[in-house]
Amino acid sequence: MLILARRIGESIMVGDQVEISVVDIKGDQVKLGIKAPSQVKVYRREVYAAIQQENLAAAAAAPETLPKLEELMGGEGRRPPAPPAPPAAAPPSPEASGSPPPAPKKP
């Protein structure tokens, strides 16, 4: 484990994109500021541990619980709507086919 001493207003960099700054120190508590890209998830350790436990519990769920889940979500066989059908193609125009246009009909 790397241990660094920092004062209020000082920072450390983790890689090229994560900056951790000491914002305040009161008694035995330190407030840290963390600048990181939105795709980098930052959690307190106890929250991270709880997320890991929930993920393990979800992965171990018995398959027979799925029908109950389906009932809770609004019934059996519920599927997202089908995508709309593509528009029907228009018949080719006479100009596009290379044929001369039809002669007008006489009354």
PDB file of N, CA and C in Angstrom:
ATOM      1  N   MET A   1       0.849  -1.175   0.000  1.00  0.00           N
ATOM      2  CA  MET A   1       0.000   0.000   0.000  1.00  0.00           C
ATOM      3  C   MET A   1       0.892   1.235   0.000  1.00  0.00           C
ATOM      4  N   LEU A   2       0.574   2.169  -0.848  1.00  0.00           N
ATOM      5  CA  LEU A   2       1.282   3.436  -0.910  1.00  0.00           C
ATOM      6  C   LEU A   2       0.643   4.393   0.097  1.00  0.00           C
ATOM      7  N   ILE A   3       1.432   5.026   0.918  1.00  0.00           N
ATOM      8  CA  ILE A   3       0.920   5.986   1.900  1.00  0.00           C
ATOM      9  C   ILE A   3       1.541   7.345   1.589  1.00  0.00           C
ATOM     10  N   LEU A   4       0.692   8.352   1.398  1.00  0.00           N
ATOM     11  CA  LEU A   4       1.143   9.702   1.077  1.00  0.00           C
ATOM     12  C   LEU A   4       0.616  10.683   2.114  1.00  0.00           C
ATOM     13  N   ALA A   5       1.403  11.671   2.453  1.00  0.00           N
ATOM     14  CA  ALA A   5       0.950  12.752   3.332  1.00  0.00           C
ATOM     15  C   ALA A   5       0.533  13.922   2.455  1.00  0.00           C
ATOM     16  N   ARG A   6      -0.637  14.477   2.697  1.00  0.00           N
ATOM     17  CA  ARG A   6      -1.154  15.620   1.936  1.00  0.00           C
ATOM     18  C   ARG A   6      -1.772  16.603   2.917  1.00  0.00           C
ATOM     19  N   ARG A   7      -1.750  17.873   2.579  1.00  0.00           N
ATOM     20  CA  ARG A   7      -2.388  18.924   3.374  1.00  0.00           C
ATOM     21  C   ARG A   7      -3.628  19.406   2.641  1.00  0.00           C
ATOM     22  N   ILE A   8      -4.441  20.201   3.306  1.00  0.00           N
ATOM     23  CA  ILE A   8      -5.644  20.763   2.682  1.00  0.00           C
ATOM     24  C   ILE A   8      -5.239  21.496   1.403  1.00  0.00           C
ATOM     25  N   GLY A   9      -5.966  21.202   0.326  1.00  0.00           N
ATOM     26  CA  GLY A   9      -5.702  21.827  -0.966  1.00  0.00           C
ATOM     27  C   GLY A   9      -4.718  21.051  -1.829  1.00  0.00           C
ATOM     28  N   GLU A  10      -4.036  20.066  -1.276  1.00  0.00           N
ATOM     29  CA  GLU A  10      -3.103  19.272  -2.061  1.00  0.00           C
ATOM     30  C   GLU A  10      -3.817  18.049  -2.641  1.00  0.00           C
ATOM     31  N   SER A  11      -3.254  17.525  -3.711  1.00  0.00           N
ATOM     32  CA  SER A  11      -3.904  16.428  -4.443  1.00  0.00           C
ATOM     33  C   SER A  11      -2.929  15.309  -4.742  1.00  0.00           C
ATOM     34  N   ILE A  12      -3.498  14.193  -5.162  1.00  0.00           N
ATOM     35  CA  ILE A  12      -2.731  13.106  -5.763  1.00  0.00           C
ATOM     36  C   ILE A  12      -3.452  12.726  -7.053  1.00  0.00           C
ATOM     37  N   MET A  13      -2.716  12.192  -7.987  1.00  0.00           N
ATOM     38  CA  MET A  13      -3.289  11.732  -9.246  1.00  0.00           C
ATOM     39  C   MET A  13      -3.245  10.210  -9.282  1.00  0.00           C
ATOM     40  N   VAL A  14      -4.332   9.606  -9.711  1.00  0.00           N
ATOM     41  CA  VAL A  14      -4.396   8.159  -9.932  1.00  0.00           C
ATOM     42  C   VAL A  14      -4.540   7.988 -11.434  1.00  0.00           C
ATOM     43  N   GLY A  15      -3.492   7.543 -12.070  1.00  0.00           N
ATOM     44  CA  GLY A  15      -3.494   7.485 -13.528  1.00  0.00           C
ATOM     45  C   GLY A  15      -3.499   8.899 -14.088  1.00  0.00           C
ATOM     46  N   ASP A  16      -4.028   9.045 -15.285  1.00  0.00           N
ATOM     47  CA  ASP A  16      -4.055  10.358 -15.949  1.00  0.00           C
ATOM     48  C   ASP A  16      -5.345  11.122 -15.727  1.00  0.00           C
ATOM     49  N   GLN A  17      -6.395  10.455 -15.243  1.00  0.00           N
ATOM     50  CA  GLN A  17      -7.707  11.098 -15.237  1.00  0.00           C
ATOM     51  C   GLN A  17      -8.363  11.229 -13.872  1.00  0.00           C
ATOM     52  N   VAL A  18      -7.823  10.653 -12.833  1.00  0.00           N
ATOM     53  CA  VAL A  18      -8.457  10.695 -11.514  1.00  0.00           C
ATOM     54  C   VAL A  18      -7.589  11.533 -10.574  1.00  0.00           C
ATOM     55  N   GLU A  19      -8.194  12.591 -10.010  1.00  0.00           N
ATOM     56  CA  GLU A  19      -7.503  13.456  -9.062  1.00  0.00           C
ATOM     57  C   GLU A  19      -8.232  13.403  -7.723  1.00  0.00           C
ATOM     58  N   ILE A  20      -7.479  13.147  -6.659  1.00  0.00           N
ATOM     59  CA  ILE A  20      -8.044  13.098  -5.314  1.00  0.00           C
ATOM     60  C   ILE A  20      -7.415  14.232  -4.515  1.00  0.00           C
ATOM     61  N   SER A  21      -8.264  15.128  -3.999  1.00  0.00           N
ATOM     62  CA  SER A  21      -7.793  16.302  -3.262  1.00  0.00           C
ATOM     63  C   SER A  21      -8.255  16.247  -1.819  1.00  0.00           C
ATOM     64  N   VAL A  22      -7.440  16.772  -0.913  1.00  0.00           N
ATOM     65  CA  VAL A  22      -7.844  16.928   0.487  1.00  0.00           C
ATOM     66  C   VAL A  22      -8.590  18.257   0.573  1.00  0.00           C
ATOM     67  N   VAL A  23      -9.870  18.193   0.921  1.00  0.00           N
ATOM     68  CA  VAL A  23     -10.720  19.381   0.968  1.00  0.00           C
ATOM     69  C   VAL A  23     -10.740  19.978   2.371  1.00  0.00           C
ATOM     70  N   ASP A  24     -10.825  19.121   3.386  1.00  0.00           N
ATOM     71  CA  ASP A  24     -10.935  19.615   4.760  1.00  0.00           C
ATOM     72  C   ASP A  24     -10.483  18.528   5.727  1.00  0.00           C
ATOM     73  N   ILE A  25     -10.002  18.960   6.882  1.00  0.00           N
ATOM     74  CA  ILE A  25      -9.635  18.038   7.959  1.00  0.00           C
ATOM     75  C   ILE A  25     -10.220  18.600   9.241  1.00  0.00           C
ATOM     76  N   LYS A  26     -11.060  17.802   9.902  1.00  0.00           N
ATOM     77  CA  LYS A  26     -11.640  18.198  11.193  1.00  0.00           C
ATOM     78  C   LYS A  26     -11.533  17.013  12.136  1.00  0.00           C
ATOM     79  N   GLY A  27     -10.738  17.175  13.183  1.00  0.00           N
ATOM     80  CA  GLY A  27     -10.563  16.084  14.138  1.00  0.00           C
ATOM     81  C   GLY A  27      -9.986  14.873  13.462  1.00  0.00           C
ATOM     82  N   ASP A  28     -10.696  13.736  13.563  1.00  0.00           N
ATOM     83  CA  ASP A  28     -10.200  12.502  12.952  1.00  0.00           C
ATOM     84  C   ASP A  28     -10.860  12.213  11.602  1.00  0.00           C
ATOM     85  N   GLN A  29     -11.477  13.226  10.992  1.00  0.00           N
ATOM     86  CA  GLN A  29     -12.165  13.031   9.726  1.00  0.00           C
ATOM     87  C   GLN A  29     -11.519  13.875   8.630  1.00  0.00           C
ATOM     88  N   VAL A  30     -11.324  13.274   7.480  1.00  0.00           N
ATOM     89  CA  VAL A  30     -10.754  13.953   6.321  1.00  0.00           C
ATOM     90  C   VAL A  30     -11.807  13.975   5.219  1.00  0.00           C
ATOM     91  N   LYS A  31     -12.034  15.131   4.620  1.00  0.00           N
ATOM     92  CA  LYS A  31     -12.941  15.218   3.470  1.00  0.00           C
ATOM     93  C   LYS A  31     -12.102  15.236   2.213  1.00  0.00           C
ATOM     94  N   LEU A  32     -12.449  14.339   1.286  1.00  0.00           N
ATOM     95  CA  LEU A  32     -11.729  14.223   0.028  1.00  0.00           C
ATOM     96  C   LEU A  32     -12.621  14.660  -1.122  1.00  0.00           C
ATOM     97  N   GLY A  33     -12.024  15.293  -2.096  1.00  0.00           N
ATOM     98  CA  GLY A  33     -12.704  15.606  -3.345  1.00  0.00           C
ATOM     99  C   GLY A  33     -12.122  14.733  -4.431  1.00  0.00           C
ATOM    100  N   ILE A  34     -12.982  14.170  -5.268  1.00  0.00           N
ATOM    101  CA  ILE A  34     -12.517  13.247  -6.308  1.00  0.00           C
ATOM    102  C   ILE A  34     -13.016  13.741  -7.657  1.00  0.00           C
ATOM    103  N   LYS A  35     -12.093  13.998  -8.579  1.00  0.00           N
ATOM    104  CA  LYS A  35     -12.435  14.351  -9.962  1.00  0.00           C
ATOM    105  C   LYS A  35     -12.089  13.147 -10.817  1.00  0.00           C
ATOM    106  N   ALA A  36     -13.106  12.624 -11.502  1.00  0.00           N
ATOM    107  CA  ALA A  36     -12.901  11.455 -12.350  1.00  0.00           C
ATOM    108  C   ALA A  36     -13.892  11.510 -13.508  1.00  0.00           C
ATOM    109  N   PRO A  37     -13.567  10.887 -14.637  1.00  0.00           N
ATOM    110  CA  PRO A  37     -14.529  10.821 -15.739  1.00  0.00           C
ATOM    111  C   PRO A  37     -15.793  10.093 -15.300  1.00  0.00           C
ATOM    112  N   SER A  38     -16.898  10.399 -15.955  1.00  0.00           N
ATOM    113  CA  SER A  38     -18.183   9.815 -15.554  1.00  0.00           C
ATOM    114  C   SER A  38     -18.199   8.291 -15.682  1.00  0.00           C
ATOM    115  N   GLN A  39     -17.387   7.716 -16.555  1.00  0.00           N
ATOM    116  CA  GLN A  39     -17.390   6.259 -16.699  1.00  0.00           C
ATOM    117  C   GLN A  39     -16.610   5.561 -15.591  1.00  0.00           C
ATOM    118  N   VAL A  40     -15.891   6.308 -14.755  1.00  0.00           N
ATOM    119  CA  VAL A  40     -15.176   5.727 -13.618  1.00  0.00           C
ATOM    120  C   VAL A  40     -16.104   5.775 -12.409  1.00  0.00           C
ATOM    121  N   LYS A  41     -16.434   4.610 -11.886  1.00  0.00           N
ATOM    122  CA  LYS A  41     -17.340   4.533 -10.743  1.00  0.00           C
ATOM    123  C   LYS A  41     -16.545   4.735  -9.456  1.00  0.00           C
ATOM    124  N   VAL A  42     -17.049   5.595  -8.576  1.00  0.00           N
ATOM    125  CA  VAL A  42     -16.381   5.877  -7.303  1.00  0.00           C
ATOM    126  C   VAL A  42     -17.384   5.591  -6.193  1.00  0.00           C
ATOM    127  N   TYR A  43     -17.049   4.685  -5.272  1.00  0.00           N
ATOM    128  CA  TYR A  43     -17.938   4.305  -4.179  1.00  0.00           C
ATOM    129  C   TYR A  43     -17.174   4.352  -2.857  1.00  0.00           C
ATOM    130  N   ARG A  44     -17.891   4.595  -1.773  1.00  0.00           N
ATOM    131  CA  ARG A  44     -17.312   4.335  -0.448  1.00  0.00           C
ATOM    132  C   ARG A  44     -17.181   2.826  -0.332  1.00  0.00           C
ATOM    133  N   ARG A  45     -16.205   2.357   0.421  1.00  0.00           N
ATOM    134  CA  ARG A  45     -15.935   0.919   0.494  1.00  0.00           C
ATOM    135  C   ARG A  45     -17.150   0.122   0.964  1.00  0.00           C
ATOM    136  N   GLU A  46     -17.879   0.611   1.970  1.00  0.00           N
ATOM    137  CA  GLU A  46     -19.025  -0.149   2.486  1.00  0.00           C
ATOM    138  C   GLU A  46     -20.148  -0.233   1.453  1.00  0.00           C
ATOM    139  N   VAL A  47     -20.312   0.800   0.620  1.00  0.00           N
ATOM    140  CA  VAL A  47     -21.321   0.762  -0.443  1.00  0.00           C
ATOM    141  C   VAL A  47     -20.895  -0.233  -1.518  1.00  0.00           C
ATOM    142  N   TYR A  48     -19.618  -0.217  -1.861  1.00  0.00           N
ATOM    143  CA  TYR A  48     -19.093  -1.152  -2.852  1.00  0.00           C
ATOM    144  C   TYR A  48     -19.294  -2.600  -2.400  1.00  0.00           C
ATOM    145  N   ALA A  49     -19.031  -2.870  -1.124  1.00  0.00           N
ATOM    146  CA  ALA A  49     -19.213  -4.227  -0.588  1.00  0.00           C
ATOM    147  C   ALA A  49     -20.683  -4.644  -0.673  1.00  0.00           C
ATOM    148  N   ALA A  50     -21.599  -3.724  -0.367  1.00  0.00           N
ATOM    149  CA  ALA A  50     -23.030  -4.043  -0.449  1.00  0.00           C
ATOM    150  C   ALA A  50     -23.447  -4.337  -1.893  1.00  0.00           C
ATOM    151  N   ILE A  51     -22.929  -3.579  -2.840  1.00  0.00           N
ATOM    152  CA  ILE A  51     -23.239  -3.821  -4.258  1.00  0.00           C
ATOM    153  C   ILE A  51     -22.739  -5.197  -4.676  1.00  0.00           C
ATOM    154  N   GLN A  52     -21.529  -5.556  -4.255  1.00  0.00           N
ATOM    155  CA  GLN A  52     -20.978  -6.867  -4.592  1.00  0.00           C
ATOM    156  C   GLN A  52     -21.839  -7.990  -4.016  1.00  0.00           C
ATOM    157  N   GLN A  53     -22.305  -7.835  -2.774  1.00  0.00           N
ATOM    158  CA  GLN A  53     -23.159  -8.862  -2.159  1.00  0.00           C
ATOM    159  C   GLN A  53     -24.471  -9.006  -2.927  1.00  0.00           C
ATOM    160  N   GLU A  54     -25.076  -7.886  -3.308  1.00  0.00           N
ATOM    161  CA  GLU A  54     -26.332  -7.944  -4.068  1.00  0.00           C
ATOM    162  C   GLU A  54     -26.120  -8.614  -5.421  1.00  0.00           C
ATOM    163  N   ASN A  55     -24.999  -8.328  -6.070  1.00  0.00           N
ATOM    164  CA  ASN A  55     -24.716  -8.964  -7.359  1.00  0.00           C
ATOM    165  C   ASN A  55     -24.547 -10.475  -7.213  1.00  0.00           C
ATOM    166  N   LEU A  56     -23.863 -10.901  -6.161  1.00  0.00           N
ATOM    167  CA  LEU A  56     -23.704 -12.336  -5.926  1.00  0.00           C
ATOM    168  C   LEU A  56     -25.049 -13.007  -5.643  1.00  0.00           C
ATOM    169  N   ALA A  57     -25.894 -12.336  -4.846  1.00  0.00           N
ATOM    170  CA  ALA A  57     -27.217 -12.894  -4.541  1.00  0.00           C
ATOM    171  C   ALA A  57     -28.064 -12.999  -5.810  1.00  0.00           C
ATOM    172  N   ALA A  58     -27.995 -11.988  -6.678  1.00  0.00           N
ATOM    173  CA  ALA A  58     -28.767 -12.014  -7.923  1.00  0.00           C
ATOM    174  C   ALA A  58     -28.276 -13.123  -8.847  1.00  0.00           C
ATOM    175  N   ALA A  59     -26.964 -13.324  -8.896  1.00  0.00           N
ATOM    176  CA  ALA A  59     -26.410 -14.368  -9.761  1.00  0.00           C
ATOM    177  C   ALA A  59     -26.782 -15.761  -9.263  1.00  0.00           C
ATOM    178  N   ALA A  60     -26.998 -15.897  -7.964  1.00  0.00           N
ATOM    179  CA  ALA A  60     -27.323 -17.201  -7.389  1.00  0.00           C
ATOM    180  C   ALA A  60     -28.829 -17.452  -7.319  1.00  0.00           C
ATOM    181  N   ALA A  61     -29.641 -16.532  -7.818  1.00  0.00           N
ATOM    182  CA  ALA A  61     -31.097 -16.688  -7.758  1.00  0.00           C
ATOM    183  C   ALA A  61     -31.522 -17.945  -8.511  1.00  0.00           C
ATOM    184  N   ALA A  62     -32.467 -18.665  -7.941  1.00  0.00           N
ATOM    185  CA  ALA A  62     -32.961 -19.899  -8.544  1.00  0.00           C
ATOM    186  C   ALA A  62     -33.850 -19.573  -9.745  1.00  0.00           C
ATOM    187  N   PRO A  63     -33.742 -20.353 -10.824  1.00  0.00           N
ATOM    188  CA  PRO A  63     -34.548 -20.092 -12.019  1.00  0.00           C
ATOM    189  C   PRO A  63     -36.052 -20.111 -11.751  1.00  0.00           C
ATOM    190  N   GLU A  64     -36.500 -20.866 -10.740  1.00  0.00           N
ATOM    191  CA  GLU A  64     -37.943 -20.920 -10.477  1.00  0.00           C
ATOM    192  C   GLU A  64     -38.498 -19.598  -9.952  1.00  0.00           C
ATOM    193  N   THR A  65     -37.635 -18.649  -9.601  1.00  0.00           N
ATOM    194  CA  THR A  65     -38.131 -17.343  -9.157  1.00  0.00           C
ATOM    195  C   THR A  65     -38.500 -16.445 -10.329  1.00  0.00           C
ATOM    196  N   LEU A  66     -38.079 -16.793 -11.537  1.00  0.00           N
ATOM    197  CA  LEU A  66     -38.378 -15.954 -12.697  1.00  0.00           C
ATOM    198  C   LEU A  66     -39.868 -15.824 -12.985  1.00  0.00           C
ATOM    199  N   PRO A  67     -40.696 -16.874 -12.908  1.00  0.00           N
ATOM    200  CA  PRO A  67     -42.126 -16.668 -13.130  1.00  0.00           C
ATOM    201  C   PRO A  67     -42.724 -15.673 -12.131  1.00  0.00           C
ATOM    202  N   LYS A  68     -42.278 -15.700 -10.894  1.00  0.00           N
ATOM    203  CA  LYS A  68     -42.780 -14.733  -9.916  1.00  0.00           C
ATOM    204  C   LYS A  68     -42.399 -13.324 -10.323  1.00  0.00           C
ATOM    205  N   LEU A  69     -41.197 -13.147 -10.818  1.00  0.00           N
ATOM    206  CA  LEU A  69     -40.747 -11.842 -11.279  1.00  0.00           C
ATOM    207  C   LEU A  69     -41.605 -11.371 -12.446  1.00  0.00           C
ATOM    208  N   GLU A  70     -41.928 -12.294 -13.341  1.00  0.00           N
ATOM    209  CA  GLU A  70     -42.755 -11.954 -14.495  1.00  0.00           C
ATOM    210  C   GLU A  70     -44.134 -11.465 -14.048  1.00  0.00           C
ATOM    211  N   GLU A  71     -44.708 -12.103 -13.026  1.00  0.00           N
ATOM    212  CA  GLU A  71     -46.007 -11.670 -12.500  1.00  0.00           C
ATOM    213  C   GLU A  71     -45.915 -10.262 -11.930  1.00  0.00           C
ATOM    214  N   LEU A  72     -44.854  -9.998 -11.223  1.00  0.00           N
ATOM    215  CA  LEU A  72     -44.679  -8.671 -10.635  1.00  0.00           C
ATOM    216  C   LEU A  72     -44.536  -7.589 -11.696  1.00  0.00           C
ATOM    217  N   MET A  73     -43.998  -7.963 -12.856  1.00  0.00           N
ATOM    218  CA  MET A  73     -43.767  -6.983 -13.912  1.00  0.00           C
ATOM    219  C   MET A  73     -44.976  -6.787 -14.815  1.00  0.00           C
ATOM    220  N   GLY A  74     -46.062  -7.461 -14.557  1.00  0.00           N
ATOM    221  CA  GLY A  74     -47.262  -7.183 -15.338  1.00  0.00           C
ATOM    222  C   GLY A  74     -47.801  -8.327 -16.142  1.00  0.00           C
ATOM    223  N   GLY A  75     -47.456  -9.536 -15.836  1.00  0.00           N
ATOM    224  CA  GLY A  75     -48.089 -10.661 -16.514  1.00  0.00           C
ATOM    225  C   GLY A  75     -47.155 -11.437 -17.395  1.00  0.00           C
ATOM    226  N   GLU A  76     -47.738 -12.516 -17.943  1.00  0.00           N
ATOM    227  CA  GLU A  76     -46.960 -13.431 -18.773  1.00  0.00           C
ATOM    228  C   GLU A  76     -46.763 -12.884 -20.168  1.00  0.00           C
ATOM    229  N   GLY A  77     -45.680 -13.304 -20.770  1.00  0.00           N
ATOM    230  CA  GLY A  77     -45.452 -13.040 -22.185  1.00  0.00           C
ATOM    231  C   GLY A  77     -45.359 -11.578 -22.560  1.00  0.00           C
ATOM    232  N   ARG A  78     -45.077 -10.738 -21.646  1.00  0.00           N
ATOM    233  CA  ARG A  78     -44.990  -9.318 -21.963  1.00  0.00           C
ATOM    234  C   ARG A  78     -43.686  -9.059 -22.707  1.00  0.00           C
ATOM    235  N   ARG A  79     -43.813  -8.535 -23.926  1.00  0.00           N
ATOM    236  CA  ARG A  79     -42.635  -8.285 -24.754  1.00  0.00           C
ATOM    237  C   ARG A  79     -42.675  -6.845 -25.243  1.00  0.00           C
ATOM    238  N   PRO A  80     -41.547  -6.298 -25.581  1.00  0.00           N
ATOM    239  CA  PRO A  80     -41.554  -4.944 -26.140  1.00  0.00           C
ATOM    240  C   PRO A  80     -42.244  -4.949 -27.487  1.00  0.00           C
ATOM    241  N   PRO A  81     -42.825  -3.828 -27.895  1.00  0.00           N
ATOM    242  CA  PRO A  81     -43.516  -3.787 -29.197  1.00  0.00           C
ATOM    243  C   PRO A  81     -42.533  -4.038 -30.337  1.00  0.00           C
ATOM    244  N   ALA A  82     -43.070  -4.641 -31.411  1.00  0.00           N
ATOM    245  CA  ALA A  82     -42.249  -4.927 -32.588  1.00  0.00           C
ATOM    246  C   ALA A  82     -41.903  -3.617 -33.287  1.00  0.00           C
ATOM    247  N   PRO A  83     -40.758  -3.541 -33.935  1.00  0.00           N
ATOM    248  CA  PRO A  83     -40.408  -2.315 -34.648  1.00  0.00           C
ATOM    249  C   PRO A  83     -41.346  -2.118 -35.824  1.00  0.00           C
ATOM    250  N   PRO A  84     -41.577  -0.879 -36.240  1.00  0.00           N
ATOM    251  CA  PRO A  84     -42.493  -0.639 -37.367  1.00  0.00           C
ATOM    252  C   PRO A  84     -41.941  -1.241 -38.652  1.00  0.00           C
ATOM    253  N   ALA A  85     -42.867  -1.664 -39.524  1.00  0.00           N
ATOM    254  CA  ALA A  85     -42.484  -2.255 -40.808  1.00  0.00           C
ATOM    255  C   ALA A  85     -41.917  -1.162 -41.700  1.00  0.00           C
ATOM    256  N   PRO A  86     -40.965  -1.504 -42.560  1.00  0.00           N
ATOM    257  CA  PRO A  86     -40.420  -0.490 -43.475  1.00  0.00           C
ATOM    258  C   PRO A  86     -41.497  -0.057 -44.463  1.00  0.00           C
ATOM    259  N   PRO A  87     -41.443   1.179 -44.950  1.00  0.00           N
ATOM    260  CA  PRO A  87     -42.470   1.645 -45.890  1.00  0.00           C
ATOM    261  C   PRO A  87     -42.419   0.839 -47.187  1.00  0.00           C
ATOM    262  N   ALA A  88     -43.602   0.656 -47.796  1.00  0.00           N
ATOM    263  CA  ALA A  88     -43.688  -0.095 -49.051  1.00  0.00           C
ATOM    264  C   ALA A  88     -42.990   0.700 -50.145  1.00  0.00           C
ATOM    265  N   ALA A  89     -42.309  -0.013 -51.027  1.00  0.00           N
ATOM    266  CA  ALA A  89     -41.597   0.653 -52.120  1.00  0.00           C
ATOM    267  C   ALA A  89     -42.614   1.097 -53.173  1.00  0.00           C
ATOM    268  N   ALA A  90     -42.424   2.299 -53.693  1.00  0.00           N
ATOM    269  CA  ALA A  90     -43.299   2.817 -54.752  1.00  0.00           C
ATOM    270  C   ALA A  90     -42.913   2.148 -56.065  1.00  0.00           C
ATOM    271  N   PRO A  91     -43.890   1.923 -56.968  1.00  0.00           N
ATOM    272  CA  PRO A  91     -43.533   1.321 -58.254  1.00  0.00           C
ATOM    273  C   PRO A  91     -42.588   2.260 -59.011  1.00  0.00           C
ATOM    274  N   PRO A  92     -41.682   1.709 -59.791  1.00  0.00           N
ATOM    275  CA  PRO A  92     -40.729   2.569 -60.501  1.00  0.00           C
ATOM    276  C   PRO A  92     -41.450   3.441 -61.519  1.00  0.00           C
ATOM    277  N   SER A  93     -40.953   4.652 -61.678  1.00  0.00           N
ATOM    278  CA  SER A  93     -41.556   5.564 -62.653  1.00  0.00           C
ATOM    279  C   SER A  93     -41.121   5.144 -64.052  1.00  0.00           C
ATOM    280  N   PRO A  94     -41.891   5.507 -65.071  1.00  0.00           N
ATOM    281  CA  PRO A  94     -41.507   5.133 -66.447  1.00  0.00           C
ATOM    282  C   PRO A  94     -40.143   5.699 -66.812  1.00  0.00           C
ATOM    283  N   GLU A  95     -39.826   6.895 -66.308  1.00  0.00           N
ATOM    284  CA  GLU A  95     -38.534   7.493 -66.629  1.00  0.00           C
ATOM    285  C   GLU A  95     -37.401   6.635 -66.068  1.00  0.00           C
ATOM    286  N   ALA A  96     -37.610   6.065 -64.885  1.00  0.00           N
ATOM    287  CA  ALA A  96     -36.578   5.269 -64.249  1.00  0.00           C
ATOM    288  C   ALA A  96     -36.387   3.948 -64.971  1.00  0.00           C
ATOM    289  N   SER A  97     -37.427   3.418 -65.605  1.00  0.00           N
ATOM    290  CA  SER A  97     -37.323   2.110 -66.257  1.00  0.00           C
ATOM    291  C   SER A  97     -36.723   2.227 -67.649  1.00  0.00           C
ATOM    292  N   GLY A  98     -36.627   3.423 -68.225  1.00  0.00           N
ATOM    293  CA  GLY A  98     -36.084   3.593 -69.550  1.00  0.00           C
ATOM    294  C   GLY A  98     -37.118   3.434 -70.647  1.00  0.00           C
ATOM    295  N   SER A  99     -38.394   3.158 -70.301  1.00  0.00           N
ATOM    296  CA  SER A  99     -39.469   3.019 -71.296  1.00  0.00           C
ATOM    297  C   SER A  99     -40.082   4.385 -71.559  1.00  0.00           C
ATOM    298  N   PRO A 100     -40.602   4.583 -72.758  1.00  0.00           N
ATOM    299  CA  PRO A 100     -41.289   5.850 -73.009  1.00  0.00           C
ATOM    300  C   PRO A 100     -42.587   5.912 -72.214  1.00  0.00           C
ATOM    301  N   PRO A 101     -43.023   7.110 -71.831  1.00  0.00           N
ATOM    302  CA  PRO A 101     -44.265   7.206 -71.077  1.00  0.00           C
ATOM    303  C   PRO A 101     -45.442   6.754 -71.939  1.00  0.00           C
ATOM    304  N   PRO A 102     -46.513   6.226 -71.318  1.00  0.00           N
ATOM    305  CA  PRO A 102     -47.671   5.782 -72.101  1.00  0.00           C
ATOM    306  C   PRO A 102     -48.335   6.985 -72.796  1.00  0.00           C
ATOM    307  N   ALA A 103     -48.885   6.709 -73.959  1.00  0.00           N
ATOM    308  CA  ALA A 103     -49.569   7.761 -74.720  1.00  0.00           C
ATOM    309  C   ALA A 103     -50.863   8.114 -74.041  1.00  0.00           C
ATOM    310  N   PRO A 104     -51.252   9.408 -74.050  1.00  0.00           N
ATOM    311  CA  PRO A 104     -52.530   9.785 -73.430  1.00  0.00           C
ATOM    312  C   PRO A 104     -53.689   9.154 -74.167  1.00  0.00           C
ATOM    313  N   LYS A 105     -54.728   8.800 -73.425  1.00  0.00           N
ATOM    314  CA  LYS A 105     -55.913   8.174 -74.012  1.00  0.00           C
ATOM    315  C   LYS A 105     -56.811   9.245 -74.594  1.00  0.00           C
ATOM    316  N   LYS A 106     -57.376   8.929 -75.773  1.00  0.00           N
ATOM    317  CA  LYS A 106     -58.291   9.866 -76.414  1.00  0.00           C
ATOM    318  C   LYS A 106     -59.712   9.547 -75.996  1.00  0.00           C
ATOM    319  N   PRO A 107     -60.525  10.606 -75.819  1.00  0.00           N
ATOM    320  CA  PRO A 107     -61.910  10.345 -75.400  1.00  0.00           C
ATOM    321  C   PRO A 107     -62.789   9.809 -76.481  1.00  0.00           C
TER     322      PRO A 107
END
